[in-house]
């Protein structure tokens, strides 16, 4: 679970940094940035719940990828199992 948390934290930090840069460059207005930050805060819990609600499906999907014998699809299986770590 720790790896998933650190990954999510890094993505969130990158997103917030991108919003900061958008503000500095003037590509987004301050009210747009504020709305995106509020959206992130409000929707995060719901989105996480949604993902964890689909873990059974994702686990079956990853098993099918592994069974395919195609190394390109194995990566998807590894990522799916990694994201479901610690459930």
Foldseek 3Di string as FASTA:
>chain_A
DVVLVVVVVVVVVVVLVVLVVCPVVVVDDPVVSVVVVVCCVVCVVVVVVVLQVCLVVLQVVLVVLVVVPDPVSNVSSVVSVVNNPPD
